[in-house]
Each structure stands twice: as C-alpha cells, then as structure tokens.
C-alpha cells in the first residue's frame, strides 16, 4: 500500500470515528446539562476539568512516544522500538505519580481557598476532583501504549477503542439521568471508569498484537532517558501552556462571573472539541508519515505533506464550521433545553480560534521530526500564557466575557507567525510556498463565503432558514473550495476519482 493511500484510508477510519463520537457527544452533553443543572455542570467543568485537561494532554504526550518509535521505524531500526517503549513507560509512571502529588497539594489548596462556589458545595467539588485525578492517573499510564498503536498506523484499533469510550460516556450520562441521589458525585465516579476501561483496552491490544515491543526491559543508563526527557519536557511545556490557557480561562471566568459562565464555556469547549476532530483526523493520519519520511531522508515529501495537510485541515474544519457559525443560535435552541448565557458567542469565537490554528496543522509534526523543538515551545508558550494576565486586566476594566477569547485568537495568530520564522531558520522552510499554496487559497475561500453571514441575519430564525442557508452555504463551500482553494492538479485528481467511482 502506498503512503498516500494509507493516509486516505486512515483518514476515512478516523472520520467514521468522528461521526459516531460527535453524535454521542452532542446527545451526552444535552442529557448531562439537563441532569446536573447549569450550576453543577459548571462546577464539573472547573473542578473535573482535569479530565478534559488530560484528554488534551493525552494527545500531545502520545506524540512523544510515537515520534521516537516512528523515527526508529523510518530509520529502519526496529530493534530500538522496545527500548523506546520502556523508556516512555517509566517516564509516564513518574509523571502519573507527580500528578497525584501536585493534585493532593496545590489542587486541595485551590478548591478549599479559591474556588468560587457556595460553601455547601465545597465537599462535592473535592469529591469530583479526587475521582478526576484518579481517572487522569490511568490515562497517563496508557499513553505509551497509545503511542505505539499510532506509530504503527493502526488507526482501526485506535478508532474502535475511542468509539467504545464515547459509548461508555453516553451510557454513564444515561445512568446519571436515572439516578435520584447526588448526580454530580455519581457522574464523577462513572467518568473515572469511562477513562479506565479504554486504558485497559489499549494495554490488552498491545499485549496481544505487539508483545515483542512492550516486553519489560528496564533501561538503567541515564543517557537512554535524557533525550526523551528533554524532548517530552519541551513538548509538555507547550502542552502545559495550551492547557494552562484553557484551564486558566475557566478559573478567570469563574472568579469574575461564577459557575453559570463556566457552563457556557464548557458547552463551547464541547462543540469546539467535536469539530476540531474533523481537521485533526487528517493530521493524525499524516503525522507518522511526515516523521518517517524525515528520518528516512525524504525531506521533500515531509515538507509537501506539511503544506498540504495544513491547507486540507483548514478546509475540512471549515466544512462543519460554516453552518454552525451561521446558525449557532438556532442549533443551541434545539440542542439544549436551557441555553446558558454567552454560549453562542463563545462557540463562534472558539471556532474562529480553531480555524486559525488549523492553518499550521502539519507544522508541529515537521518540528517534532527535526527534534529541535526548544525555542518553538518556549516562544509559543510565552505568547499563549501572556493572554491570561491580559484577559484578567481586561475583566478588571469591565470588558465582557467574550474578550478573553478574542485575546486568545490574537495570541494564536502570533504563534503561527513565530513558528514559521523559526522553522525557516532551522531547516530553511519555504514560507512563501506555504503562503501561496495555503494562506492565499484560504483567503480567497473566506472572502467569497463572508457575505453569507451578512445575508443570513436578514431573515427571521426558523427551520426553513436553517435548512435553506445550510444547503446554500455547503453548496457554495464546495464550489469555492474546488475552484478557488485547490490547484489544477488537485482538481484533475478529484475529477479522475469521481469518474472512476461513477464507472
């Protein structure tokens, strides 16, 4: 199987996973909001957000393991895979223990002294926190196994386990709707098992399929750990900045506006997480190929993959984003029974943030392939974390809640610019090629579609408006992307595939 076909098949598998997990996620969010109520839903999104945080960190930390394993595979050194796995496992055991220590010290301090919640709910918040930490502990221990599955490009197994996790979450939420006791505590217990079971499945699958790679072989020499610690340390800095930005935003919003706004922020995060999986599917499928080609000396293919993955990721993300941006209020009205204030604008701004972020979707894999990630992580982390004190100051000056997301959008744009210049310095990356083949094409598509937003709000909200504008926007999307967003050879390739499918 050639590499392009492998990427296409893996992307298709991940899209199937996306459809199932998206439907499950939307249903689960509605049931959960109705069962817990806005206040308790807000509490879980602040205190239990360590699960959300670790879900994000999970993806990022997996990248350390699969980067080193994929690098060994690309270089043809299959004997080094077991060594890399064992080093990764030991590091993640230490990380899991560190999480427990920090949670039982700084976590407790925050909940008992700084959390903006009524005194009667402090013990409940602490209960939720403890089970969230336990779930995160299991998730960290499963990361080396997930990294091995990803490096082997076995996306079928990964997708099946993630679908099982989504169905477990839906089942957990359904049980919460039937429970008559303290639903917040009950949900936190169930969510711990929702994380534990997939972690065990990854372990079991690797034990059966890749037993020779996960065989226990303790690496005693410090030098064996040094490179991965350095790499994962810088990866963790960048991941920590992203998580710190998101969780810091939740804490700042809680401090100024209370748990009701946290519920709005949590709903927006849920929608954002679902739609970003669209573009994430493509980059996930291509990342191992970028790393393997780079380590194998095929720099030209790695660069081309980086550029085209960035463009396709934006267009794929824009596909579900466009109707959601046009009809956010209508969707929220029919999706949720009680819509928390500011939910609509939070969702729209988070989608804009995600679209900007997707413009460099292929770049992180190329950066990781070089191994020279130090200054990328330092500069980007400083820019992202600087958005928190700026937002805090704006709230002191009585700015409205959406201001924090506007600051995040500006910060993300700056990180994209800084990343490209650093990449040019390290591997002489052609920035102009990225601008002409990605940014210029994206700009054409966005400018043509922009009038839809002015036209849409000229009509009263109704099911008819939703159906008509969704159809019109998607038709125009495909037309503009095909003729304005793709190059001639891409158009010919698509037409050739369509002719074959019709024969």
Foldseek 3Di string as FASTA:
>chain_A
DDLVVLLVVLLVLLVVLLVLLLVLLLQLLQLLCVLQPLALLLLCCQQLCLLVLLVLVLVLLLCLLLLVLLLCVLLVNNVCLLLSLQLLLVVLLVVLVVLVVCCVPVVLCCLVPPFLDDPVCSVVSVLLNVLSSLLSSLSSNLSSLVSVCLSVSVSNLVSVLSSQLSVLSSVLSVVLNVDDPNSSNSSSNSNSVSSNVSSVSSVVVCCPPVVVNNPHDDDDDPVSNVLSCVLSVLSVLLSVLVSCLLSLLSSLCCNQPNSLVSSLLVLLVSLLVSLLSQLVSSLSSCLSVLLSCVSNPNPVVNLVSQLVSLQVSLLRSCLVLVLCLQCVVVCCVVSHVDRRPPSSVSNNLSSLLSSLLSNRSSVVSNCVSVSPCNVLSVVLSVLSNVLSVVVSVVVVVVDDSCVSSVSNSVSSNVSVVVSVVVVCVPPVRDVVVSCVQHVQLVVQLCVVLVVLNVVLVVDDDDPVSSVVSSVVSNVSSVVSCLVRNDDPVVNVVVVVVVVVVVD
